[in-house]
Amino acid sequence: MLSMQLLDPAVKRVWMIKGLLGWGICLLIIVTIDIILFFSNNNLFFPGFWTTVSASLCLLWILIIPRLRYRFWRYQLRDDDLYAIRGIYNRVQTIVPLRRIQHLDVEQDLIEENFNIARLVVHTAGTRSTDVVVPGLHYDEAVRLRDTVRDFIARSID
């Protein structure tokens, strides 16, 4: 049996950048609220309290969560299925039988493209949870996995 595969380590930086972009918008809103509270004289805390708390949480989130996500994400392409384990708080084990796969996508957004990272999106037959995503793959690895699964499906049809 093959060992479980790790994601590409560059995905940690990708997740950090995406986290920073998301939290950056929240921080702008909180700084605005902090300024309004400062000038309204209704602030029960010191000026900049909410900005400080939010910036601290943001920093912790951006530095810790991507590392934890990376640590707990594993995948393995086995003979008849794709097996994935993920989750920091709730561990989720997903088994996708290769025979149930409808089609495959290799996706990249602008940030992932800069790091040569991609996601393999597996679309399966069914009505619930029909998409399984394996993030943080080196682009060449995502293409190789896609092609391997495609070849398996083509052989099983014959």
N, C-alpha and C. Protein backbone atom coordinates (compact mmCIF):
# COMPACT_ATOMS: atom_id res chain seq x y z
N MET A 1 0.85 -1.19 0.00
CA MET A 1 0.00 0.00 0.00
C MET A 1 0.89 1.25 0.00
N LEU A 2 0.55 2.21 -0.80
CA LEU A 2 1.29 3.47 -0.87
C LEU A 2 1.02 4.30 0.38
N SER A 3 1.97 5.17 0.72
CA SER A 3 1.77 6.04 1.87
C SER A 3 0.92 7.25 1.47
N MET A 4 0.34 7.87 2.47
CA MET A 4 -0.46 9.06 2.23
C MET A 4 0.44 10.19 1.75
N GLN A 5 -0.04 10.96 0.79
CA GLN A 5 0.73 12.06 0.19
C GLN A 5 0.43 13.37 0.90
N LEU A 6 1.47 14.18 1.04
CA LEU A 6 1.32 15.52 1.58
C LEU A 6 0.97 16.50 0.46
N LEU A 7 0.40 17.61 0.83
CA LEU A 7 0.19 18.68 -0.14
C LEU A 7 1.52 19.38 -0.38
N ASP A 8 1.58 20.20 -1.41
CA ASP A 8 2.78 20.98 -1.67
C ASP A 8 2.94 22.01 -0.55
N PRO A 9 4.13 22.12 0.05
CA PRO A 9 4.33 23.07 1.16
C PRO A 9 4.01 24.52 0.81
N ALA A 10 4.08 24.89 -0.46
CA ALA A 10 3.77 26.27 -0.87
C ALA A 10 2.31 26.63 -0.59
N VAL A 11 1.47 25.64 -0.40
CA VAL A 11 0.06 25.93 -0.15
C VAL A 11 -0.12 26.67 1.17
N LYS A 12 0.79 26.50 2.11
CA LYS A 12 0.70 27.25 3.37
C LYS A 12 0.79 28.76 3.10
N ARG A 13 1.70 29.16 2.22
CA ARG A 13 1.81 30.58 1.88
C ARG A 13 0.58 31.06 1.13
N VAL A 14 0.04 30.22 0.25
CA VAL A 14 -1.17 30.58 -0.49
C VAL A 14 -2.31 30.81 0.49
N TRP A 15 -2.50 29.89 1.44
CA TRP A 15 -3.56 30.04 2.43
C TRP A 15 -3.33 31.26 3.32
N MET A 16 -2.07 31.57 3.62
CA MET A 16 -1.78 32.77 4.43
C MET A 16 -2.17 34.03 3.67
N ILE A 17 -1.83 34.09 2.40
CA ILE A 17 -2.17 35.27 1.59
C ILE A 17 -3.69 35.41 1.47
N LYS A 18 -4.38 34.31 1.21
CA LYS A 18 -5.85 34.37 1.11
C LYS A 18 -6.47 34.77 2.43
N GLY A 19 -5.92 34.28 3.53
CA GLY A 19 -6.40 34.68 4.85
C GLY A 19 -6.18 36.16 5.11
N LEU A 20 -5.01 36.65 4.71
CA LEU A 20 -4.70 38.06 4.88
C LEU A 20 -5.66 38.93 4.08
N LEU A 21 -5.97 38.53 2.86
CA LEU A 21 -6.92 39.29 2.04
C LEU A 21 -8.30 39.32 2.69
N GLY A 22 -8.76 38.18 3.16
CA GLY A 22 -10.07 38.11 3.81
C GLY A 22 -10.12 38.91 5.10
N TRP A 23 -9.12 38.73 5.95
CA TRP A 23 -9.07 39.46 7.21
C TRP A 23 -8.82 40.94 6.99
N GLY A 24 -8.11 41.29 5.92
CA GLY A 24 -7.84 42.70 5.64
C GLY A 24 -9.12 43.50 5.48
N ILE A 25 -10.09 42.92 4.81
CA ILE A 25 -11.39 43.59 4.62
C ILE A 25 -12.08 43.77 5.97
N CYS A 26 -12.05 42.71 6.79
CA CYS A 26 -12.66 42.81 8.13
C CYS A 26 -11.96 43.86 8.97
N LEU A 27 -10.64 43.90 8.90
CA LEU A 27 -9.90 44.89 9.68
C LEU A 27 -10.23 46.32 9.28
N LEU A 28 -10.43 46.55 7.99
CA LEU A 28 -10.82 47.90 7.54
C LEU A 28 -12.15 48.32 8.16
N ILE A 29 -13.08 47.39 8.20
CA ILE A 29 -14.40 47.68 8.78
C ILE A 29 -14.26 47.95 10.28
N ILE A 30 -13.46 47.14 10.96
CA ILE A 30 -13.30 47.30 12.41
C ILE A 30 -12.56 48.60 12.74
N VAL A 31 -11.56 48.96 11.95
CA VAL A 31 -10.87 50.23 12.17
C VAL A 31 -11.85 51.39 12.00
N THR A 32 -12.72 51.30 11.00
CA THR A 32 -13.73 52.34 10.79
C THR A 32 -14.66 52.44 12.00
N ILE A 33 -15.10 51.30 12.51
CA ILE A 33 -15.98 51.30 13.69
C ILE A 33 -15.23 51.88 14.89
N ASP A 34 -13.96 51.51 15.05
CA ASP A 34 -13.16 52.03 16.15
C ASP A 34 -13.04 53.55 16.08
N ILE A 35 -12.85 54.09 14.88
CA ILE A 35 -12.74 55.55 14.71
C ILE A 35 -14.07 56.22 15.06
N ILE A 36 -15.17 55.62 14.61
CA ILE A 36 -16.49 56.18 14.93
C ILE A 36 -16.72 56.16 16.44
N LEU A 37 -16.38 55.05 17.09
CA LEU A 37 -16.55 54.97 18.55
C LEU A 37 -15.67 55.99 19.27
N PHE A 38 -14.47 56.20 18.76
CA PHE A 38 -13.55 57.16 19.38
C PHE A 38 -14.14 58.56 19.39
N PHE A 39 -14.74 58.96 18.28
CA PHE A 39 -15.28 60.32 18.18
C PHE A 39 -16.68 60.46 18.78
N SER A 40 -17.33 59.33 19.07
CA SER A 40 -18.68 59.40 19.65
C SER A 40 -18.64 59.51 21.17
N ASN A 41 -17.50 59.31 21.78
CA ASN A 41 -17.34 59.35 23.24
C ASN A 41 -18.15 58.29 23.96
N ASN A 42 -18.62 57.28 23.25
CA ASN A 42 -19.36 56.19 23.88
C ASN A 42 -18.52 54.93 24.01
N ASN A 43 -17.24 55.05 23.75
CA ASN A 43 -16.37 53.89 23.77
C ASN A 43 -16.02 53.53 25.21
N LEU A 44 -16.33 52.31 25.64
CA LEU A 44 -16.03 51.86 27.00
C LEU A 44 -14.59 51.41 27.15
N PHE A 45 -13.91 51.18 26.05
CA PHE A 45 -12.55 50.67 26.08
C PHE A 45 -11.59 51.75 25.59
N PHE A 46 -10.30 51.48 25.70
CA PHE A 46 -9.32 52.46 25.22
C PHE A 46 -9.41 52.58 23.71
N PRO A 47 -9.00 53.73 23.17
CA PRO A 47 -9.06 53.93 21.71
C PRO A 47 -8.23 52.87 20.99
N GLY A 48 -8.82 52.26 19.97
CA GLY A 48 -8.13 51.24 19.20
C GLY A 48 -8.24 49.84 19.78
N PHE A 49 -9.06 49.68 20.82
CA PHE A 49 -9.20 48.36 21.47
C PHE A 49 -9.64 47.29 20.48
N TRP A 50 -10.73 47.57 19.75
CA TRP A 50 -11.26 46.56 18.83
C TRP A 50 -10.31 46.29 17.67
N THR A 51 -9.60 47.31 17.23
CA THR A 51 -8.61 47.11 16.18
C THR A 51 -7.48 46.23 16.68
N THR A 52 -7.03 46.45 17.90
CA THR A 52 -5.95 45.65 18.48
C THR A 52 -6.37 44.20 18.64
N VAL A 53 -7.56 43.98 19.17
CA VAL A 53 -8.06 42.61 19.36
C VAL A 53 -8.20 41.92 18.01
N SER A 54 -8.80 42.61 17.05
CA SER A 54 -9.01 42.01 15.73
C SER A 54 -7.69 41.73 15.01
N ALA A 55 -6.75 42.66 15.10
CA ALA A 55 -5.45 42.46 14.45
C ALA A 55 -4.71 41.29 15.08
N SER A 56 -4.84 41.12 16.39
CA SER A 56 -4.20 39.98 17.07
C SER A 56 -4.81 38.67 16.62
N LEU A 57 -6.15 38.62 16.56
CA LEU A 57 -6.82 37.41 16.08
C LEU A 57 -6.46 37.11 14.63
N CYS A 58 -6.40 38.16 13.83
CA CYS A 58 -6.03 38.01 12.42
C CYS A 58 -4.64 37.43 12.29
N LEU A 59 -3.71 37.95 13.04
CA LEU A 59 -2.33 37.46 12.99
C LEU A 59 -2.24 36.00 13.40
N LEU A 60 -2.93 35.65 14.47
CA LEU A 60 -2.94 34.25 14.91
C LEU A 60 -3.55 33.35 13.83
N TRP A 61 -4.66 33.80 13.27
CA TRP A 61 -5.35 33.01 12.24
C TRP A 61 -4.46 32.79 11.03
N ILE A 62 -3.82 33.85 10.58
CA ILE A 62 -3.01 33.78 9.37
C ILE A 62 -1.75 32.93 9.57
N LEU A 63 -1.18 32.97 10.77
CA LEU A 63 0.06 32.23 11.00
C LEU A 63 -0.16 30.78 11.43
N ILE A 64 -1.26 30.49 12.12
CA ILE A 64 -1.45 29.15 12.69
C ILE A 64 -2.34 28.27 11.83
N ILE A 65 -3.49 28.76 11.40
CA ILE A 65 -4.47 27.91 10.70
C ILE A 65 -3.91 27.30 9.42
N PRO A 66 -3.21 28.05 8.56
CA PRO A 66 -2.66 27.39 7.36
C PRO A 66 -1.70 26.24 7.68
N ARG A 67 -0.90 26.40 8.72
CA ARG A 67 0.02 25.33 9.12
C ARG A 67 -0.74 24.11 9.62
N LEU A 68 -1.80 24.34 10.39
CA LEU A 68 -2.61 23.22 10.87
C LEU A 68 -3.35 22.53 9.73
N ARG A 69 -3.92 23.32 8.82
CA ARG A 69 -4.61 22.73 7.66
C ARG A 69 -3.65 21.85 6.88
N TYR A 70 -2.44 22.36 6.65
CA TYR A 70 -1.43 21.59 5.91
C TYR A 70 -1.07 20.31 6.66
N ARG A 71 -0.92 20.42 7.94
CA ARG A 71 -0.52 19.26 8.76
C ARG A 71 -1.55 18.14 8.71
N PHE A 72 -2.82 18.49 8.63
CA PHE A 72 -3.88 17.49 8.72
C PHE A 72 -4.50 17.11 7.37
N TRP A 73 -3.93 17.56 6.26
CA TRP A 73 -4.44 17.22 4.93
C TRP A 73 -3.55 16.14 4.32
N ARG A 74 -4.14 15.01 3.94
CA ARG A 74 -3.42 13.92 3.26
C ARG A 74 -4.34 13.36 2.17
N TYR A 75 -3.72 12.81 1.15
CA TYR A 75 -4.50 12.16 0.10
C TYR A 75 -3.71 10.98 -0.43
N GLN A 76 -4.43 10.08 -1.09
CA GLN A 76 -3.78 8.91 -1.68
C GLN A 76 -4.65 8.41 -2.83
N LEU A 77 -4.02 8.22 -3.98
CA LEU A 77 -4.70 7.59 -5.10
C LEU A 77 -4.40 6.11 -5.02
N ARG A 78 -5.44 5.33 -4.69
CA ARG A 78 -5.26 3.89 -4.55
C ARG A 78 -5.74 3.21 -5.83
N ASP A 79 -5.72 1.89 -5.85
CA ASP A 79 -6.06 1.14 -7.07
C ASP A 79 -7.45 1.47 -7.60
N ASP A 80 -8.44 1.56 -6.71
CA ASP A 80 -9.82 1.75 -7.15
C ASP A 80 -10.48 3.01 -6.61
N ASP A 81 -9.77 3.79 -5.83
CA ASP A 81 -10.39 4.98 -5.25
C ASP A 81 -9.37 6.07 -4.92
N LEU A 82 -9.92 7.25 -4.64
CA LEU A 82 -9.14 8.37 -4.16
C LEU A 82 -9.52 8.55 -2.70
N TYR A 83 -8.52 8.54 -1.83
CA TYR A 83 -8.74 8.61 -0.39
C TYR A 83 -8.15 9.91 0.12
N ALA A 84 -8.92 10.67 0.89
CA ALA A 84 -8.45 11.94 1.43
C ALA A 84 -8.84 12.05 2.90
N ILE A 85 -7.93 12.62 3.68
CA ILE A 85 -8.19 12.90 5.10
C ILE A 85 -7.91 14.37 5.30
N ARG A 86 -8.83 15.05 5.98
CA ARG A 86 -8.66 16.48 6.22
C ARG A 86 -9.40 16.87 7.49
N GLY A 87 -9.09 18.06 7.97
CA GLY A 87 -9.82 18.63 9.10
C GLY A 87 -8.97 18.86 10.32
N ILE A 88 -9.08 20.06 10.87
CA ILE A 88 -8.36 20.40 12.09
C ILE A 88 -9.19 19.98 13.30
N TYR A 89 -10.43 20.40 13.35
CA TYR A 89 -11.30 20.11 14.49
C TYR A 89 -12.11 18.85 14.26
N ASN A 90 -12.64 18.71 13.09
CA ASN A 90 -13.42 17.52 12.71
C ASN A 90 -12.66 16.80 11.61
N ARG A 91 -12.21 15.62 11.88
CA ARG A 91 -11.47 14.84 10.90
C ARG A 91 -12.48 14.21 9.93
N VAL A 92 -12.27 14.45 8.65
CA VAL A 92 -13.14 13.92 7.61
C VAL A 92 -12.31 13.00 6.72
N GLN A 93 -12.78 11.78 6.57
CA GLN A 93 -12.15 10.83 5.66
C GLN A 93 -13.09 10.62 4.48
N THR A 94 -12.57 10.87 3.29
CA THR A 94 -13.38 10.77 2.08
C THR A 94 -12.79 9.70 1.18
N ILE A 95 -13.65 8.81 0.71
CA ILE A 95 -13.24 7.79 -0.26
C ILE A 95 -14.11 7.99 -1.50
N VAL A 96 -13.46 8.25 -2.62
CA VAL A 96 -14.17 8.45 -3.88
C VAL A 96 -13.84 7.27 -4.79
N PRO A 97 -14.81 6.37 -5.01
CA PRO A 97 -14.56 5.28 -5.96
C PRO A 97 -14.32 5.86 -7.36
N LEU A 98 -13.26 5.43 -8.00
CA LEU A 98 -12.91 5.99 -9.30
C LEU A 98 -13.99 5.73 -10.34
N ARG A 99 -14.74 4.67 -10.17
CA ARG A 99 -15.81 4.34 -11.13
C ARG A 99 -16.98 5.31 -11.07
N ARG A 100 -17.11 6.05 -9.97
CA ARG A 100 -18.22 6.99 -9.82
C ARG A 100 -17.88 8.40 -10.28
N ILE A 101 -16.67 8.60 -10.74
CA ILE A 101 -16.25 9.94 -11.15
C ILE A 101 -16.87 10.29 -12.50
N GLN A 102 -17.50 11.46 -12.56
CA GLN A 102 -18.11 11.95 -13.79
C GLN A 102 -17.11 12.74 -14.63
N HIS A 103 -16.43 13.69 -13.98
CA HIS A 103 -15.38 14.43 -14.68
C HIS A 103 -14.43 15.05 -13.65
N LEU A 104 -13.30 15.54 -14.16
CA LEU A 104 -12.23 16.07 -13.31
C LEU A 104 -11.82 17.45 -13.80
N ASP A 105 -11.50 18.32 -12.86
CA ASP A 105 -11.01 19.65 -13.19
C ASP A 105 -9.70 19.90 -12.44
N VAL A 106 -8.79 20.60 -13.08
CA VAL A 106 -7.62 21.15 -12.41
C VAL A 106 -7.82 22.65 -12.42
N GLU A 107 -7.94 23.25 -11.22
CA GLU A 107 -8.27 24.66 -11.11
C GLU A 107 -7.15 25.43 -10.41
N GLN A 108 -7.00 26.70 -10.80
CA GLN A 108 -6.06 27.62 -10.17
C GLN A 108 -6.68 29.01 -10.12
N ASP A 109 -6.50 29.70 -9.01
CA ASP A 109 -6.83 31.12 -9.02
C ASP A 109 -5.52 31.89 -9.21
N LEU A 110 -5.58 33.21 -9.18
CA LEU A 110 -4.38 34.02 -9.46
C LEU A 110 -3.27 33.79 -8.44
N ILE A 111 -3.64 33.65 -7.19
CA ILE A 111 -2.62 33.44 -6.15
C ILE A 111 -1.98 32.06 -6.31
N GLU A 112 -2.81 31.05 -6.51
CA GLU A 112 -2.28 29.70 -6.69
C GLU A 112 -1.39 29.61 -7.92
N GLU A 113 -1.76 30.33 -8.96
CA GLU A 113 -0.96 30.30 -10.19
C GLU A 113 0.45 30.85 -9.95
N ASN A 114 0.56 31.89 -9.12
CA ASN A 114 1.87 32.45 -8.81
C ASN A 114 2.78 31.48 -8.07
N PHE A 115 2.19 30.54 -7.34
CA PHE A 115 2.96 29.56 -6.59
C PHE A 115 3.00 28.20 -7.29
N ASN A 116 2.43 28.13 -8.49
CA ASN A 116 2.36 26.89 -9.27
C ASN A 116 1.62 25.79 -8.51
N ILE A 117 0.54 26.19 -7.83
CA ILE A 117 -0.30 25.31 -7.04
C ILE A 117 -1.65 25.18 -7.75
N ALA A 118 -2.27 24.01 -7.62
CA ALA A 118 -3.58 23.80 -8.23
C ALA A 118 -4.45 22.95 -7.31
N ARG A 119 -5.74 22.92 -7.64
CA ARG A 119 -6.70 22.06 -6.95
C ARG A 119 -7.22 21.03 -7.94
N LEU A 120 -7.30 19.80 -7.50
CA LEU A 120 -7.96 18.77 -8.31
C LEU A 120 -9.40 18.68 -7.81
N VAL A 121 -10.34 18.95 -8.70
CA VAL A 121 -11.76 18.89 -8.35
C VAL A 121 -12.34 17.65 -9.02
N VAL A 122 -12.86 16.75 -8.19
CA VAL A 122 -13.42 15.48 -8.67
C VAL A 122 -14.93 15.58 -8.56
N HIS A 123 -15.62 15.50 -9.67
CA HIS A 123 -17.08 15.54 -9.71
C HIS A 123 -17.58 14.11 -9.81
N THR A 124 -18.43 13.72 -8.85
CA THR A 124 -18.92 12.35 -8.82
C THR A 124 -20.41 12.29 -9.09
N ALA A 125 -20.87 11.09 -9.37
CA ALA A 125 -22.30 10.86 -9.55
C ALA A 125 -22.97 10.91 -8.18
N GLY A 126 -24.17 11.38 -8.13
CA GLY A 126 -24.89 11.43 -6.86
C GLY A 126 -25.60 12.75 -6.72
N THR A 127 -26.28 12.91 -5.59
CA THR A 127 -27.05 14.12 -5.36
C THR A 127 -26.49 14.95 -4.20
N ARG A 128 -25.68 14.35 -3.34
CA ARG A 128 -25.15 15.07 -2.18
C ARG A 128 -23.64 14.98 -2.15
N SER A 129 -22.98 16.08 -1.84
CA SER A 129 -21.52 16.13 -1.74
C SER A 129 -20.87 15.50 -2.97
N THR A 130 -21.23 16.01 -4.12
CA THR A 130 -20.76 15.41 -5.37
C THR A 130 -19.41 15.94 -5.83
N ASP A 131 -18.88 16.97 -5.17
CA ASP A 131 -17.57 17.49 -5.53
C ASP A 131 -16.59 17.23 -4.40
N VAL A 132 -15.46 16.67 -4.74
CA VAL A 132 -14.38 16.47 -3.79
C VAL A 132 -13.19 17.25 -4.31
N VAL A 133 -12.62 18.10 -3.45
CA VAL A 133 -11.51 18.95 -3.85
C VAL A 133 -10.25 18.55 -3.08
N VAL A 134 -9.18 18.33 -3.83
CA VAL A 134 -7.86 18.12 -3.22
C VAL A 134 -7.06 19.38 -3.52
N PRO A 135 -6.89 20.25 -2.49
CA PRO A 135 -6.19 21.52 -2.73
C PRO A 135 -4.69 21.37 -2.59
N GLY A 136 -3.98 22.42 -2.93
CA GLY A 136 -2.56 22.50 -2.61
C GLY A 136 -1.66 21.50 -3.30
N LEU A 137 -2.02 21.10 -4.49
CA LEU A 137 -1.15 20.20 -5.25
C LEU A 137 -0.24 21.02 -6.16
N HIS A 138 0.98 20.57 -6.32
CA HIS A 138 1.83 21.18 -7.35
C HIS A 138 1.09 20.99 -8.66
N TYR A 139 1.14 21.97 -9.54
CA TYR A 139 0.34 21.92 -10.77
C TYR A 139 0.60 20.63 -11.56
N ASP A 140 1.87 20.24 -11.70
CA ASP A 140 2.19 19.01 -12.45
C ASP A 140 1.60 17.77 -11.79
N GLU A 141 1.58 17.76 -10.45
CA GLU A 141 1.01 16.62 -9.72
C GLU A 141 -0.50 16.56 -9.93
N ALA A 142 -1.16 17.71 -9.93
CA ALA A 142 -2.61 17.74 -10.16
C ALA A 142 -2.94 17.21 -11.55
N VAL A 143 -2.16 17.62 -12.55
CA VAL A 143 -2.37 17.14 -13.92
C VAL A 143 -2.10 15.64 -14.00
N ARG A 144 -1.04 15.17 -13.33
CA ARG A 144 -0.72 13.74 -13.34
C ARG A 144 -1.84 12.92 -12.70
N LEU A 145 -2.36 13.39 -11.56
CA LEU A 145 -3.48 12.69 -10.92
C LEU A 145 -4.70 12.67 -11.82
N ARG A 146 -5.02 13.81 -12.41
CA ARG A 146 -6.16 13.88 -13.32
C ARG A 146 -6.02 12.89 -14.47
N ASP A 147 -4.83 12.85 -15.08
CA ASP A 147 -4.60 11.97 -16.21
C ASP A 147 -4.64 10.49 -15.79
N THR A 148 -4.11 10.18 -14.62
CA THR A 148 -4.13 8.80 -14.12
C THR A 148 -5.56 8.33 -13.90
N VAL A 149 -6.37 9.19 -13.27
CA VAL A 149 -7.78 8.83 -13.03
C VAL A 149 -8.53 8.73 -14.36
N ARG A 150 -8.27 9.65 -15.27
CA ARG A 150 -8.91 9.62 -16.59
C ARG A 150 -8.58 8.32 -17.32
N ASP A 151 -7.31 7.91 -17.26
CA ASP A 151 -6.91 6.65 -17.91
C ASP A 151 -7.58 5.45 -17.26
N PHE A 152 -7.73 5.47 -15.92
CA PHE A 152 -8.42 4.37 -15.23
C PHE A 152 -9.87 4.29 -15.69
N ILE A 153 -10.52 5.44 -15.79
CA ILE A 153 -11.92 5.45 -16.23
C ILE A 153 -12.05 4.95 -17.67
N ALA A 154 -11.13 5.36 -18.53
CA ALA A 154 -11.16 4.92 -19.93
C ALA A 154 -10.96 3.41 -20.02
N ARG A 155 -10.06 2.85 -19.20
CA ARG A 155 -9.83 1.39 -19.21
C ARG A 155 -11.03 0.64 -18.66
N SER A 156 -11.71 1.19 -17.66
CA SER A 156 -12.82 0.48 -17.06
C SER A 156 -14.05 0.48 -17.96
N ILE A 157 -14.14 1.45 -18.87
CA ILE A 157 -15.25 1.51 -19.82
C ILE A 157 -15.08 0.43 -20.90
N ASP A 158 -13.84 0.20 -21.30
CA ASP A 158 -13.58 -0.78 -22.37
C ASP A 158 -13.98 -2.18 -22.02
